[in-house]
Amino acid sequence: MKPIYVHLAEGFEEIEAITIIDVLRRAGLNVITVSVAENIVVTGSHNIPVKADLLFKDADYEKAEMILLPGGMPGAKNLSEHKGLNNQILNFHKEGKFLGAICAAPMVFGKLGILKGKNVVCFPGFETFLEGAAVKQMPVVKDGKIITGRGPGVALQFSLEIVRILKDEETASKLKKSMVVEV
């Protein structure tokens, strides 16, 4: 099974990152956390350290199925400033592979110009970074191969939508039931 890379930058939003990792792994997807920091241990915006599975330089993007970006500040800003990650995102977009971002992180895609003409969502106040996109007011939006979520409060819905897309509706429904998700 192809890996799904969840990227951790200093100042990432812990709820978003951990929820994505947990739900996708419960679904049996091959989730690998990638540190874009200089260290394998990355500290979130609420001072919670998380040990990534590997450093950015050791990730094999040719084999990956999806790039996922949790938000948070300054996490999203740090993701946006990582040239290597930006190149991989552009490659994924060009190759028609899945990209996902939640909260402030859709700004990374917006700054790269890949959201033009797309329906997206983001954390309120980050709309200016989504040049050319149609910003919606809903929890989660999928437009083509790009999936976006509004913020920490929709991390579970965002993660379940990814499971539905990458795996199937049945797996997403079983997870909702087993985790007592009532949305």
N, C-alpha and C. Protein backbone atom coordinates (compact mmCIF):
# COMPACT_ATOMS: atom_id res chain seq x y z
N MET A 1 0.84 -1.18 0.00
CA MET A 1 0.00 0.00 0.00
C MET A 1 0.88 1.25 0.00
N LYS A 2 0.56 2.18 -0.87
CA LYS A 2 1.36 3.40 -1.00
C LYS A 2 1.23 4.26 0.25
N PRO A 3 2.33 4.90 0.66
CA PRO A 3 2.26 5.74 1.87
C PRO A 3 1.52 7.05 1.65
N ILE A 4 0.93 7.52 2.72
CA ILE A 4 0.33 8.85 2.80
C ILE A 4 1.22 9.61 3.77
N TYR A 5 1.80 10.70 3.29
CA TYR A 5 2.73 11.48 4.11
C TYR A 5 2.02 12.63 4.81
N VAL A 6 2.03 12.61 6.14
CA VAL A 6 1.51 13.70 6.96
C VAL A 6 2.72 14.49 7.43
N HIS A 7 2.77 15.77 7.07
CA HIS A 7 3.94 16.61 7.31
C HIS A 7 3.82 17.40 8.61
N LEU A 8 4.87 17.35 9.40
CA LEU A 8 4.91 18.05 10.67
C LEU A 8 5.99 19.13 10.61
N ALA A 9 5.56 20.37 10.86
CA ALA A 9 6.49 21.49 10.94
C ALA A 9 6.37 22.07 12.34
N GLU A 10 7.41 22.70 12.83
CA GLU A 10 7.35 23.34 14.14
C GLU A 10 6.12 24.25 14.19
N GLY A 11 5.31 24.08 15.25
CA GLY A 11 4.11 24.89 15.42
C GLY A 11 2.88 24.33 14.74
N PHE A 12 2.87 23.02 14.38
CA PHE A 12 1.69 22.41 13.77
C PHE A 12 0.55 22.32 14.78
N GLU A 13 -0.67 22.22 14.29
CA GLU A 13 -1.85 22.08 15.15
C GLU A 13 -1.99 20.60 15.51
N GLU A 14 -1.81 20.30 16.79
CA GLU A 14 -1.78 18.92 17.25
C GLU A 14 -3.08 18.17 17.00
N ILE A 15 -4.23 18.79 17.26
CA ILE A 15 -5.51 18.10 17.05
C ILE A 15 -5.63 17.62 15.61
N GLU A 16 -5.26 18.48 14.68
CA GLU A 16 -5.39 18.13 13.27
C GLU A 16 -4.44 17.01 12.89
N ALA A 17 -3.18 17.15 13.24
CA ALA A 17 -2.18 16.13 12.86
C ALA A 17 -2.50 14.77 13.47
N ILE A 18 -2.71 14.74 14.77
CA ILE A 18 -2.92 13.46 15.46
C ILE A 18 -4.24 12.82 15.03
N THR A 19 -5.28 13.61 14.83
CA THR A 19 -6.55 13.05 14.37
C THR A 19 -6.39 12.40 13.00
N ILE A 20 -5.73 13.11 12.09
CA ILE A 20 -5.52 12.55 10.75
C ILE A 20 -4.74 11.24 10.84
N ILE A 21 -3.64 11.26 11.57
CA ILE A 21 -2.79 10.07 11.69
C ILE A 21 -3.60 8.91 12.28
N ASP A 22 -4.30 9.16 13.37
CA ASP A 22 -5.06 8.13 14.07
C ASP A 22 -6.16 7.54 13.19
N VAL A 23 -7.00 8.39 12.61
CA VAL A 23 -8.14 7.90 11.83
C VAL A 23 -7.68 7.13 10.60
N LEU A 24 -6.71 7.66 9.90
CA LEU A 24 -6.25 6.97 8.69
C LEU A 24 -5.59 5.64 9.02
N ARG A 25 -4.87 5.58 10.13
CA ARG A 25 -4.27 4.30 10.54
C ARG A 25 -5.35 3.31 10.97
N ARG A 26 -6.39 3.78 11.65
CA ARG A 26 -7.50 2.90 12.02
C ARG A 26 -8.13 2.30 10.77
N ALA A 27 -8.11 3.06 9.68
CA ALA A 27 -8.69 2.59 8.41
C ALA A 27 -7.75 1.64 7.67
N GLY A 28 -6.56 1.41 8.23
CA GLY A 28 -5.63 0.50 7.59
C GLY A 28 -4.79 1.14 6.50
N LEU A 29 -4.80 2.47 6.45
CA LEU A 29 -3.99 3.17 5.45
C LEU A 29 -2.55 3.31 5.96
N ASN A 30 -1.63 3.37 5.04
CA ASN A 30 -0.20 3.44 5.36
C ASN A 30 0.21 4.90 5.58
N VAL A 31 0.05 5.38 6.81
CA VAL A 31 0.36 6.76 7.15
C VAL A 31 1.77 6.85 7.71
N ILE A 32 2.53 7.77 7.14
CA ILE A 32 3.90 8.01 7.61
C ILE A 32 4.02 9.50 7.91
N THR A 33 4.50 9.81 9.11
CA THR A 33 4.70 11.21 9.47
C THR A 33 6.10 11.65 9.05
N VAL A 34 6.16 12.85 8.47
CA VAL A 34 7.40 13.37 7.92
C VAL A 34 7.71 14.70 8.59
N SER A 35 8.88 14.80 9.21
CA SER A 35 9.32 16.05 9.81
C SER A 35 9.96 16.93 8.75
N VAL A 36 9.45 18.17 8.63
CA VAL A 36 10.11 19.14 7.77
C VAL A 36 10.98 20.07 8.60
N ALA A 37 11.09 19.74 9.88
CA ALA A 37 12.00 20.47 10.77
C ALA A 37 13.38 19.80 10.68
N GLU A 38 14.32 20.33 11.39
CA GLU A 38 15.67 19.75 11.37
C GLU A 38 15.78 18.51 12.24
N ASN A 39 14.79 18.30 13.10
CA ASN A 39 14.82 17.18 14.03
C ASN A 39 13.66 16.23 13.78
N ILE A 40 13.81 15.01 14.26
CA ILE A 40 12.75 14.01 14.14
C ILE A 40 11.60 14.31 15.11
N VAL A 41 11.91 14.98 16.21
CA VAL A 41 10.88 15.39 17.17
C VAL A 41 10.46 16.81 16.82
N VAL A 42 9.16 16.97 16.57
CA VAL A 42 8.60 18.26 16.16
C VAL A 42 7.61 18.70 17.24
N THR A 43 7.68 19.96 17.62
CA THR A 43 6.81 20.47 18.67
C THR A 43 5.66 21.26 18.07
N GLY A 44 4.44 20.91 18.49
CA GLY A 44 3.25 21.56 17.98
C GLY A 44 3.03 22.93 18.59
N SER A 45 1.97 23.59 18.15
CA SER A 45 1.67 24.96 18.57
C SER A 45 1.27 25.05 20.05
N HIS A 46 0.94 23.92 20.66
CA HIS A 46 0.59 23.90 22.07
C HIS A 46 1.64 23.15 22.89
N ASN A 47 2.86 23.19 22.40
CA ASN A 47 4.04 22.63 23.06
C ASN A 47 3.98 21.13 23.32
N ILE A 48 3.33 20.40 22.42
CA ILE A 48 3.30 18.94 22.52
C ILE A 48 4.30 18.39 21.50
N PRO A 49 5.37 17.74 21.99
CA PRO A 49 6.35 17.17 21.06
C PRO A 49 5.85 15.84 20.47
N VAL A 50 6.07 15.67 19.17
CA VAL A 50 5.67 14.44 18.48
C VAL A 50 6.87 13.94 17.69
N LYS A 51 7.14 12.65 17.82
CA LYS A 51 8.24 12.06 17.07
C LYS A 51 7.73 11.59 15.71
N ALA A 52 8.27 12.18 14.66
CA ALA A 52 7.90 11.80 13.30
C ALA A 52 8.52 10.45 12.95
N ASP A 53 7.97 9.83 11.92
CA ASP A 53 8.51 8.55 11.46
C ASP A 53 9.82 8.73 10.71
N LEU A 54 9.93 9.84 9.98
CA LEU A 54 11.18 10.09 9.25
C LEU A 54 11.34 11.56 8.93
N LEU A 55 12.56 11.92 8.56
CA LEU A 55 12.87 13.28 8.15
C LEU A 55 12.51 13.47 6.68
N PHE A 56 12.25 14.70 6.28
CA PHE A 56 11.87 15.01 4.91
C PHE A 56 12.86 14.43 3.91
N LYS A 57 14.15 14.55 4.19
CA LYS A 57 15.19 14.10 3.26
C LYS A 57 15.14 12.58 3.02
N ASP A 58 14.49 11.85 3.92
CA ASP A 58 14.43 10.39 3.80
C ASP A 58 13.11 9.88 3.20
N ALA A 59 12.20 10.79 2.90
CA ALA A 59 10.90 10.40 2.33
C ALA A 59 11.03 10.12 0.84
N ASP A 60 10.36 9.06 0.38
CA ASP A 60 10.37 8.69 -1.03
C ASP A 60 9.03 9.08 -1.65
N TYR A 61 8.96 10.27 -2.20
CA TYR A 61 7.72 10.81 -2.73
C TYR A 61 7.24 10.11 -3.99
N GLU A 62 8.13 9.44 -4.69
CA GLU A 62 7.73 8.72 -5.90
C GLU A 62 6.74 7.60 -5.55
N LYS A 63 6.88 7.04 -4.35
CA LYS A 63 6.02 5.94 -3.94
C LYS A 63 4.77 6.39 -3.19
N ALA A 64 4.70 7.67 -2.83
CA ALA A 64 3.60 8.16 -2.00
C ALA A 64 2.32 8.39 -2.79
N GLU A 65 1.20 8.24 -2.09
CA GLU A 65 -0.12 8.41 -2.68
C GLU A 65 -0.70 9.80 -2.42
N MET A 66 -0.32 10.37 -1.26
CA MET A 66 -0.94 11.64 -0.87
C MET A 66 -0.02 12.43 0.04
N ILE A 67 -0.09 13.75 -0.08
CA ILE A 67 0.58 14.68 0.84
C ILE A 67 -0.51 15.34 1.66
N LEU A 68 -0.36 15.30 2.98
CA LEU A 68 -1.31 15.93 3.90
C LEU A 68 -0.59 16.97 4.76
N LEU A 69 -1.25 18.11 4.94
CA LEU A 69 -0.69 19.20 5.72
C LEU A 69 -1.64 19.62 6.83
N PRO A 70 -1.27 19.39 8.10
CA PRO A 70 -2.05 19.96 9.19
C PRO A 70 -1.75 21.46 9.26
N GLY A 71 -2.69 22.21 9.83
CA GLY A 71 -2.48 23.65 9.94
C GLY A 71 -1.80 24.04 11.23
N GLY A 72 -2.29 25.10 11.82
CA GLY A 72 -1.66 25.66 13.01
C GLY A 72 -0.66 26.72 12.62
N MET A 73 -0.40 27.59 13.57
CA MET A 73 0.59 28.63 13.33
C MET A 73 1.60 28.59 14.47
N PRO A 74 2.87 28.66 14.14
CA PRO A 74 3.42 28.98 12.83
C PRO A 74 3.65 27.76 11.93
N GLY A 75 3.02 26.64 12.24
CA GLY A 75 3.23 25.42 11.46
C GLY A 75 2.96 25.58 9.97
N ALA A 76 1.81 26.17 9.62
CA ALA A 76 1.49 26.34 8.20
C ALA A 76 2.49 27.26 7.51
N LYS A 77 2.91 28.30 8.22
CA LYS A 77 3.92 29.21 7.66
C LYS A 77 5.23 28.46 7.42
N ASN A 78 5.61 27.62 8.36
CA ASN A 78 6.84 26.83 8.22
C ASN A 78 6.74 25.82 7.07
N LEU A 79 5.57 25.23 6.88
CA LEU A 79 5.37 24.34 5.74
C LEU A 79 5.52 25.12 4.43
N SER A 80 4.93 26.31 4.42
CA SER A 80 4.95 27.14 3.22
C SER A 80 6.36 27.58 2.83
N GLU A 81 7.23 27.69 3.81
CA GLU A 81 8.60 28.15 3.55
C GLU A 81 9.57 27.02 3.22
N HIS A 82 9.11 25.77 3.23
CA HIS A 82 9.98 24.62 2.96
C HIS A 82 10.02 24.36 1.44
N LYS A 83 11.11 24.75 0.82
CA LYS A 83 11.22 24.65 -0.65
C LYS A 83 11.08 23.21 -1.16
N GLY A 84 11.67 22.26 -0.47
CA GLY A 84 11.58 20.87 -0.90
C GLY A 84 10.15 20.37 -0.88
N LEU A 85 9.42 20.70 0.18
CA LEU A 85 8.01 20.31 0.27
C LEU A 85 7.21 20.99 -0.84
N ASN A 86 7.45 22.27 -1.05
CA ASN A 86 6.75 22.99 -2.12
C ASN A 86 6.95 22.30 -3.47
N ASN A 87 8.18 21.88 -3.75
CA ASN A 87 8.45 21.18 -5.01
C ASN A 87 7.67 19.87 -5.11
N GLN A 88 7.60 19.14 -4.00
CA GLN A 88 6.86 17.87 -4.00
C GLN A 88 5.37 18.11 -4.21
N ILE A 89 4.83 19.16 -3.59
CA ILE A 89 3.41 19.49 -3.76
C ILE A 89 3.13 19.81 -5.23
N LEU A 90 3.99 20.61 -5.84
CA LEU A 90 3.81 20.94 -7.26
C LEU A 90 3.90 19.70 -8.13
N ASN A 91 4.82 18.80 -7.81
CA ASN A 91 4.93 17.53 -8.55
C ASN A 91 3.67 16.70 -8.40
N PHE A 92 3.15 16.59 -7.18
CA PHE A 92 1.93 15.81 -6.94
C PHE A 92 0.76 16.41 -7.74
N HIS A 93 0.66 17.72 -7.71
CA HIS A 93 -0.41 18.40 -8.44
C HIS A 93 -0.31 18.10 -9.93
N LYS A 94 0.88 18.21 -10.46
CA LYS A 94 1.13 17.96 -11.89
C LYS A 94 0.80 16.51 -12.25
N GLU A 95 1.12 15.58 -11.35
CA GLU A 95 0.90 14.16 -11.60
C GLU A 95 -0.52 13.70 -11.28
N GLY A 96 -1.34 14.60 -10.75
CA GLY A 96 -2.72 14.24 -10.42
C GLY A 96 -2.85 13.38 -9.18
N LYS A 97 -1.92 13.53 -8.24
CA LYS A 97 -2.00 12.79 -6.98
C LYS A 97 -2.76 13.63 -5.95
N PHE A 98 -3.25 12.97 -4.92
CA PHE A 98 -4.03 13.64 -3.89
C PHE A 98 -3.19 14.57 -3.02
N LEU A 99 -3.81 15.72 -2.69
CA LEU A 99 -3.24 16.71 -1.78
C LEU A 99 -4.33 17.08 -0.78
N GLY A 100 -3.95 17.21 0.49
CA GLY A 100 -4.91 17.61 1.50
C GLY A 100 -4.30 18.60 2.47
N ALA A 101 -5.12 19.57 2.90
CA ALA A 101 -4.66 20.56 3.87
C ALA A 101 -5.84 21.03 4.69
N ILE A 102 -5.58 21.33 5.95
CA ILE A 102 -6.64 21.75 6.86
C ILE A 102 -6.21 23.01 7.60
N CYS A 103 -7.21 23.83 7.98
CA CYS A 103 -7.01 25.01 8.80
C CYS A 103 -6.26 26.10 8.03
N ALA A 104 -5.09 26.49 8.50
CA ALA A 104 -4.29 27.51 7.81
C ALA A 104 -3.47 26.92 6.67
N ALA A 105 -3.30 25.61 6.64
CA ALA A 105 -2.41 24.97 5.66
C ALA A 105 -2.85 25.08 4.20
N PRO A 106 -4.13 25.27 3.86
CA PRO A 106 -4.44 25.48 2.45
C PRO A 106 -3.69 26.68 1.85
N MET A 107 -3.20 27.59 2.72
CA MET A 107 -2.42 28.72 2.22
C MET A 107 -1.16 28.26 1.50
N VAL A 108 -0.63 27.09 1.88
CA VAL A 108 0.55 26.55 1.20
C VAL A 108 0.21 26.29 -0.26
N PHE A 109 -0.93 25.66 -0.50
CA PHE A 109 -1.37 25.38 -1.87
C PHE A 109 -1.69 26.69 -2.61
N GLY A 110 -2.33 27.62 -1.90
CA GLY A 110 -2.69 28.89 -2.50
C GLY A 110 -1.47 29.68 -2.95
N LYS A 111 -0.45 29.72 -2.13
CA LYS A 111 0.77 30.45 -2.48
C LYS A 111 1.48 29.81 -3.68
N LEU A 112 1.25 28.51 -3.88
CA LEU A 112 1.85 27.82 -5.03
C LEU A 112 1.00 27.95 -6.29
N GLY A 113 -0.17 28.57 -6.17
CA GLY A 113 -1.02 28.81 -7.32
C GLY A 113 -1.83 27.63 -7.80
N ILE A 114 -1.97 26.60 -6.97
CA ILE A 114 -2.68 25.40 -7.44
C ILE A 114 -4.16 25.37 -7.03
N LEU A 115 -4.64 26.45 -6.42
CA LEU A 115 -6.04 26.49 -6.01
C LEU A 115 -6.91 27.32 -6.95
N LYS A 116 -6.33 27.89 -7.97
CA LYS A 116 -7.10 28.74 -8.90
C LYS A 116 -8.23 27.92 -9.53
N GLY A 117 -9.45 28.45 -9.39
CA GLY A 117 -10.62 27.77 -9.95
C GLY A 117 -11.13 26.62 -9.11
N LYS A 118 -10.57 26.39 -7.95
CA LYS A 118 -10.97 25.28 -7.08
C LYS A 118 -11.90 25.77 -5.97
N ASN A 119 -12.79 24.90 -5.53
CA ASN A 119 -13.60 25.13 -4.34
C ASN A 119 -12.79 24.65 -3.15
N VAL A 120 -12.62 25.52 -2.15
CA VAL A 120 -11.80 25.18 -0.99
C VAL A 120 -12.38 25.80 0.28
N VAL A 121 -11.84 25.36 1.40
CA VAL A 121 -12.12 25.98 2.70
C VAL A 121 -10.81 26.18 3.43
N CYS A 122 -10.84 27.08 4.42
CA CYS A 122 -9.66 27.31 5.25
C CYS A 122 -10.11 27.94 6.57
N PHE A 123 -9.18 28.08 7.47
CA PHE A 123 -9.46 28.74 8.74
C PHE A 123 -9.79 30.20 8.45
N PRO A 124 -10.82 30.75 9.10
CA PRO A 124 -11.19 32.14 8.86
C PRO A 124 -9.99 33.09 9.03
N GLY A 125 -9.81 33.96 8.04
CA GLY A 125 -8.72 34.92 8.06
C GLY A 125 -7.60 34.57 7.10
N PHE A 126 -7.61 33.35 6.57
CA PHE A 126 -6.55 32.92 5.65
C PHE A 126 -7.01 32.92 4.18
N GLU A 127 -8.20 33.43 3.94
CA GLU A 127 -8.76 33.44 2.59
C GLU A 127 -7.88 34.21 1.60
N THR A 128 -7.21 35.25 2.06
CA THR A 128 -6.40 36.09 1.17
C THR A 128 -5.24 35.32 0.54
N PHE A 129 -4.86 34.20 1.14
CA PHE A 129 -3.77 33.38 0.59
C PHE A 129 -4.24 32.41 -0.49
N LEU A 130 -5.55 32.34 -0.71
CA LEU A 130 -6.12 31.34 -1.62
C LEU A 130 -6.50 31.99 -2.95
N GLU A 131 -5.60 32.71 -3.54
CA GLU A 131 -5.86 33.48 -4.75
C GLU A 131 -6.50 32.64 -5.87
N GLY A 132 -7.62 33.15 -6.34
CA GLY A 132 -8.30 32.49 -7.46
C GLY A 132 -9.20 31.35 -7.06
N ALA A 133 -9.26 31.02 -5.78
CA ALA A 133 -10.11 29.92 -5.32
C ALA A 133 -11.49 30.43 -4.94
N ALA A 134 -12.47 29.56 -4.99
CA ALA A 134 -13.81 29.86 -4.50
C ALA A 134 -13.88 29.32 -3.08
N VAL A 135 -13.80 30.23 -2.10
CA VAL A 135 -13.78 29.83 -0.69
C VAL A 135 -15.20 29.59 -0.21
N LYS A 136 -15.44 28.40 0.30
CA LYS A 136 -16.75 27.99 0.78
C LYS A 136 -16.82 28.08 2.30
N GLN A 137 -18.04 28.01 2.83
CA GLN A 137 -18.26 28.06 4.28
C GLN A 137 -18.86 26.73 4.73
N MET A 138 -18.08 25.68 4.61
CA MET A 138 -18.52 24.35 5.03
C MET A 138 -17.33 23.66 5.70
N PRO A 139 -17.53 22.54 6.37
CA PRO A 139 -16.42 21.90 7.09
C PRO A 139 -15.30 21.37 6.20
N VAL A 140 -15.67 20.63 5.15
CA VAL A 140 -14.69 19.95 4.31
C VAL A 140 -15.12 20.07 2.85
N VAL A 141 -14.15 20.29 1.97
CA VAL A 141 -14.43 20.37 0.54
C VAL A 141 -13.41 19.54 -0.22
N LYS A 142 -13.93 18.75 -1.18
CA LYS A 142 -13.06 18.03 -2.12
C LYS A 142 -13.35 18.59 -3.50
N ASP A 143 -12.29 19.03 -4.17
CA ASP A 143 -12.43 19.49 -5.55
C ASP A 143 -11.32 18.84 -6.35
N GLY A 144 -11.69 17.87 -7.16
CA GLY A 144 -10.68 17.11 -7.90
C GLY A 144 -9.84 16.31 -6.91
N LYS A 145 -8.54 16.49 -6.97
CA LYS A 145 -7.64 15.74 -6.09
C LYS A 145 -7.19 16.56 -4.88
N ILE A 146 -7.85 17.70 -4.62
CA ILE A 146 -7.50 18.54 -3.48
C ILE A 146 -8.63 18.51 -2.46
N ILE A 147 -8.26 18.19 -1.21
CA ILE A 147 -9.22 18.12 -0.10
C ILE A 147 -8.79 19.14 0.94
N THR A 148 -9.73 20.00 1.37
CA THR A 148 -9.41 21.01 2.38
C THR A 148 -10.42 20.95 3.52
N GLY A 149 -9.95 21.33 4.71
CA GLY A 149 -10.80 21.37 5.89
C GLY A 149 -10.63 22.72 6.58
N ARG A 150 -11.66 23.18 7.31
CA ARG A 150 -11.67 24.52 7.89
C ARG A 150 -10.80 24.69 9.12
N GLY A 151 -10.72 23.72 10.01
CA GLY A 151 -9.95 23.94 11.23
C GLY A 151 -10.00 22.77 12.18
N PRO A 152 -9.46 22.97 13.40
CA PRO A 152 -9.35 21.87 14.36
C PRO A 152 -10.67 21.17 14.64
N GLY A 153 -11.76 21.91 14.69
CA GLY A 153 -13.06 21.33 15.01
C GLY A 153 -13.61 20.37 13.97
N VAL A 154 -13.05 20.38 12.77
CA VAL A 154 -13.52 19.47 11.72
C VAL A 154 -12.46 18.43 11.35
N ALA A 155 -11.44 18.29 12.19
CA ALA A 155 -10.36 17.34 11.89
C ALA A 155 -10.88 15.91 11.70
N LEU A 156 -11.87 15.54 12.48
CA LEU A 156 -12.43 14.19 12.37
C LEU A 156 -13.20 14.02 11.05
N GLN A 157 -14.01 15.00 10.69
CA GLN A 157 -14.74 14.94 9.41
C GLN A 157 -13.76 14.92 8.24
N PHE A 158 -12.74 15.76 8.32
CA PHE A 158 -11.71 15.83 7.28
C PHE A 158 -11.05 14.47 7.11
N SER A 159 -10.67 13.85 8.22
CA SER A 159 -10.00 12.56 8.19
C SER A 159 -10.91 11.46 7.64
N LEU A 160 -12.16 11.46 8.05
CA LEU A 160 -13.12 10.46 7.56
C LEU A 160 -13.39 10.64 6.07
N GLU A 161 -13.38 11.87 5.59
CA GLU A 161 -13.56 12.11 4.15
C GLU A 161 -12.37 11.53 3.38
N ILE A 162 -11.19 11.67 3.92
CA ILE A 162 -10.01 11.09 3.26
C ILE A 162 -10.12 9.57 3.23
N VAL A 163 -10.58 8.97 4.32
CA VAL A 163 -10.78 7.52 4.35
C VAL A 163 -11.80 7.12 3.28
N ARG A 164 -12.89 7.86 3.19
CA ARG A 164 -13.93 7.56 2.20
C ARG A 164 -13.36 7.62 0.78
N ILE A 165 -12.53 8.60 0.52
CA ILE A 165 -11.97 8.80 -0.81
C ILE A 165 -10.88 7.76 -1.13
N LEU A 166 -9.96 7.55 -0.21
CA LEU A 166 -8.83 6.66 -0.48
C LEU A 166 -9.14 5.19 -0.26
N LYS A 167 -10.12 4.90 0.58
CA LYS A 167 -10.47 3.50 0.86
C LYS A 167 -11.86 3.22 0.31
N ASP A 168 -12.89 3.52 1.11
CA ASP A 168 -14.27 3.35 0.64
C ASP A 168 -15.26 3.85 1.68
N GLU A 169 -16.51 3.98 1.25
CA GLU A 169 -17.58 4.48 2.11
C GLU A 169 -17.82 3.54 3.30
N GLU A 170 -17.75 2.24 3.05
CA GLU A 170 -18.01 1.26 4.12
C GLU A 170 -17.02 1.42 5.26
N THR A 171 -15.74 1.56 4.95
CA THR A 171 -14.72 1.72 5.99
C THR A 171 -14.96 3.01 6.77
N ALA A 172 -15.26 4.09 6.06
CA ALA A 172 -15.53 5.37 6.73
C ALA A 172 -16.74 5.25 7.65
N SER A 173 -17.80 4.58 7.19
CA SER A 173 -19.01 4.39 8.01
C SER A 173 -18.73 3.54 9.24
N LYS A 174 -17.96 2.48 9.08
CA LYS A 174 -17.61 1.62 10.23
C LYS A 174 -16.80 2.41 11.26
N LEU A 175 -15.88 3.23 10.79
CA LEU A 175 -15.09 4.05 11.71
C LEU A 175 -15.98 5.04 12.45
N LYS A 176 -16.88 5.68 11.74
CA LYS A 176 -17.80 6.63 12.39
C LYS A 176 -18.57 5.93 13.50
N LYS A 177 -19.05 4.72 13.22
CA LYS A 177 -19.83 3.99 14.22
C LYS A 177 -18.96 3.57 15.40
N SER A 178 -17.78 3.01 15.12
CA SER A 178 -16.92 2.51 16.19
C SER A 178 -16.35 3.65 17.05
N MET A 179 -16.23 4.85 16.49
CA MET A 179 -15.72 5.98 17.24
C MET A 179 -16.85 6.88 17.78
N VAL A 180 -18.10 6.47 17.56
CA VAL A 180 -19.28 7.20 18.01
C VAL A 180 -19.25 8.65 17.47
N VAL A 181 -19.03 8.76 16.18
CA VAL A 181 -19.04 10.07 15.53
C VAL A 181 -20.48 10.36 15.14
N GLU A 182 -21.01 11.46 15.62
CA GLU A 182 -22.43 11.77 15.42
C GLU A 182 -22.63 12.98 14.52
N VAL A 183 -21.72 13.22 13.59
CA VAL A 183 -21.91 14.35 12.64
C VAL A 183 -22.12 13.80 11.25
